[in-house]
Amino acid sequence: MIDGPPVESQTPPGTTTPAPGASSRQEHDIMASKTAVFDDTRPIGTIPAIPLADIAPWAVFASVVALILLYFVSTEQGAFALFQGMYVHEFVHDGRHLLGFPCH
């Protein structure tokens, strides 16, 4: 950021600068009149549909992770234990009570 007064445009009001590479006012007008063309024919504000085949693997993965987390919070070192010691129990202890699972 440069300190000092703001820099004002040196182009007089009401005039335009030619587009880069334009050799005349006519070329500038032709370039300025062109509009962008898009292939997207969806109405504005709609969300494109995602195919079920693209969602299914992520849904299965999220379900498996959720079930593993649910197991560790609800059951591990409570009614059943895969690991020795109380490390997992102590790690998820507050979450267990927050979700309503008894552990004492």
Protein backbone atom coordinates (compact mmCIF):
# COMPACT_ATOMS: atom_id res chain seq x y z
CA MET A 1 0.00 0.00 0.00
CA ILE A 2 1.39 3.40 -0.98
CA ASP A 3 0.97 6.36 1.35
CA GLY A 4 -0.05 9.69 -0.09
CA PRO A 5 -2.95 11.28 -1.91
CA PRO A 6 -5.13 9.07 -4.14
CA VAL A 7 -4.15 8.91 -7.78
CA GLU A 8 -6.79 10.19 -10.17
CA SER A 9 -7.37 9.00 -13.72
CA GLN A 10 -5.59 10.95 -16.44
CA THR A 11 -8.28 10.06 -19.00
CA PRO A 12 -10.67 12.96 -19.58
CA PRO A 13 -14.29 12.23 -18.56
CA GLY A 14 -16.50 10.92 -21.36
CA THR A 15 -13.68 9.28 -23.31
CA THR A 16 -12.78 5.63 -23.50
CA THR A 17 -9.45 3.97 -23.96
CA PRO A 18 -9.12 1.57 -26.87
CA ALA A 19 -8.89 -2.12 -26.11
CA PRO A 20 -5.38 -3.58 -26.22
CA GLY A 21 -4.54 -4.39 -29.81
CA ALA A 22 -7.40 -2.31 -31.26
CA SER A 23 -6.13 -0.01 -34.00
CA SER A 24 -9.21 2.15 -34.40
CA ARG A 25 -12.39 3.30 -32.72
CA GLN A 26 -14.40 0.93 -34.94
CA GLU A 27 -12.44 -2.12 -33.75
CA HIS A 28 -12.95 -0.99 -30.16
CA ASP A 29 -16.72 -0.74 -30.68
CA ILE A 30 -16.84 -4.22 -32.27
CA MET A 31 -14.91 -5.75 -29.37
CA ALA A 32 -17.06 -3.95 -26.78
CA SER A 33 -20.31 -5.15 -28.38
CA LYS A 34 -19.48 -8.86 -28.14
CA THR A 35 -21.14 -10.78 -25.34
CA ALA A 36 -20.16 -14.02 -23.66
CA VAL A 37 -22.06 -17.15 -24.68
CA PHE A 38 -22.59 -19.94 -22.13
CA ASP A 39 -23.63 -23.52 -22.77
CA ASP A 40 -25.42 -23.74 -19.42
CA THR A 41 -29.18 -23.85 -20.03
CA ARG A 42 -30.26 -24.31 -16.39
CA PRO A 43 -32.45 -21.55 -14.97
CA ILE A 44 -30.69 -19.22 -12.56
CA GLY A 45 -30.84 -20.41 -8.96
CA THR A 46 -31.19 -24.13 -9.64
CA ILE A 47 -28.77 -26.69 -8.26
CA PRO A 48 -27.53 -29.42 -10.60
CA ALA A 49 -28.48 -32.97 -9.66
CA ILE A 50 -25.68 -35.26 -8.47
CA PRO A 51 -26.02 -38.84 -9.70
CA LEU A 52 -26.67 -41.47 -7.02
CA ALA A 53 -23.66 -43.46 -8.23
CA ASP A 54 -21.42 -40.51 -7.28
CA ILE A 55 -22.98 -40.11 -3.83
CA ALA A 56 -23.23 -43.79 -2.82
CA PRO A 57 -19.53 -44.45 -2.01
CA TRP A 58 -19.32 -41.32 0.13
CA ALA A 59 -22.58 -42.18 1.90
CA VAL A 60 -21.30 -45.68 2.71
CA PHE A 61 -17.98 -44.28 3.94
CA ALA A 62 -19.71 -41.70 6.15
CA SER A 63 -22.04 -44.37 7.56
CA VAL A 64 -19.14 -46.68 8.44
CA VAL A 65 -17.23 -43.84 10.14
CA ALA A 66 -20.38 -42.84 12.05
CA LEU A 67 -20.96 -46.41 13.23
CA ILE A 68 -17.34 -46.74 14.38
CA LEU A 69 -17.59 -43.48 16.32
CA LEU A 70 -20.92 -44.57 17.80
CA TYR A 71 -19.35 -47.85 18.92
CA PHE A 72 -16.45 -46.12 20.66
CA VAL A 73 -18.68 -43.58 22.38
CA SER A 74 -21.42 -46.02 23.40
CA THR A 75 -19.86 -49.42 24.01
CA GLU A 76 -16.05 -49.54 24.06
CA GLN A 77 -14.75 -50.24 27.59
CA GLY A 78 -18.26 -50.03 28.91
CA ALA A 79 -20.21 -53.19 28.17
CA PHE A 80 -17.53 -54.52 25.80
CA ALA A 81 -13.84 -53.81 25.22
CA LEU A 82 -11.60 -54.36 22.20
CA PHE A 83 -8.67 -52.52 23.77
CA GLN A 84 -7.06 -53.03 27.18
CA GLY A 85 -6.99 -50.22 29.72
CA MET A 86 -9.27 -47.26 30.20
CA TYR A 87 -7.78 -44.91 27.59
CA VAL A 88 -10.66 -45.06 25.12
CA HIS A 89 -13.23 -44.84 27.91
CA GLU A 90 -11.63 -41.73 29.38
CA PHE A 91 -11.19 -40.14 25.95
CA VAL A 92 -14.91 -40.40 25.09
CA HIS A 93 -16.24 -40.19 28.66
CA ASP A 94 -17.82 -36.72 28.46
CA GLY A 95 -19.25 -37.39 25.00
CA ARG A 96 -20.79 -40.58 26.33
CA HIS A 97 -22.65 -38.69 29.05
CA LEU A 98 -23.55 -35.86 26.66
CA LEU A 99 -25.23 -38.36 24.32
CA GLY A 100 -27.04 -40.08 27.21
CA PHE A 101 -25.05 -43.31 27.41
CA PRO A 102 -24.48 -44.53 30.97
CA CYS A 103 -21.00 -45.70 31.89
CA HIS A 104 -20.91 -45.87 35.72
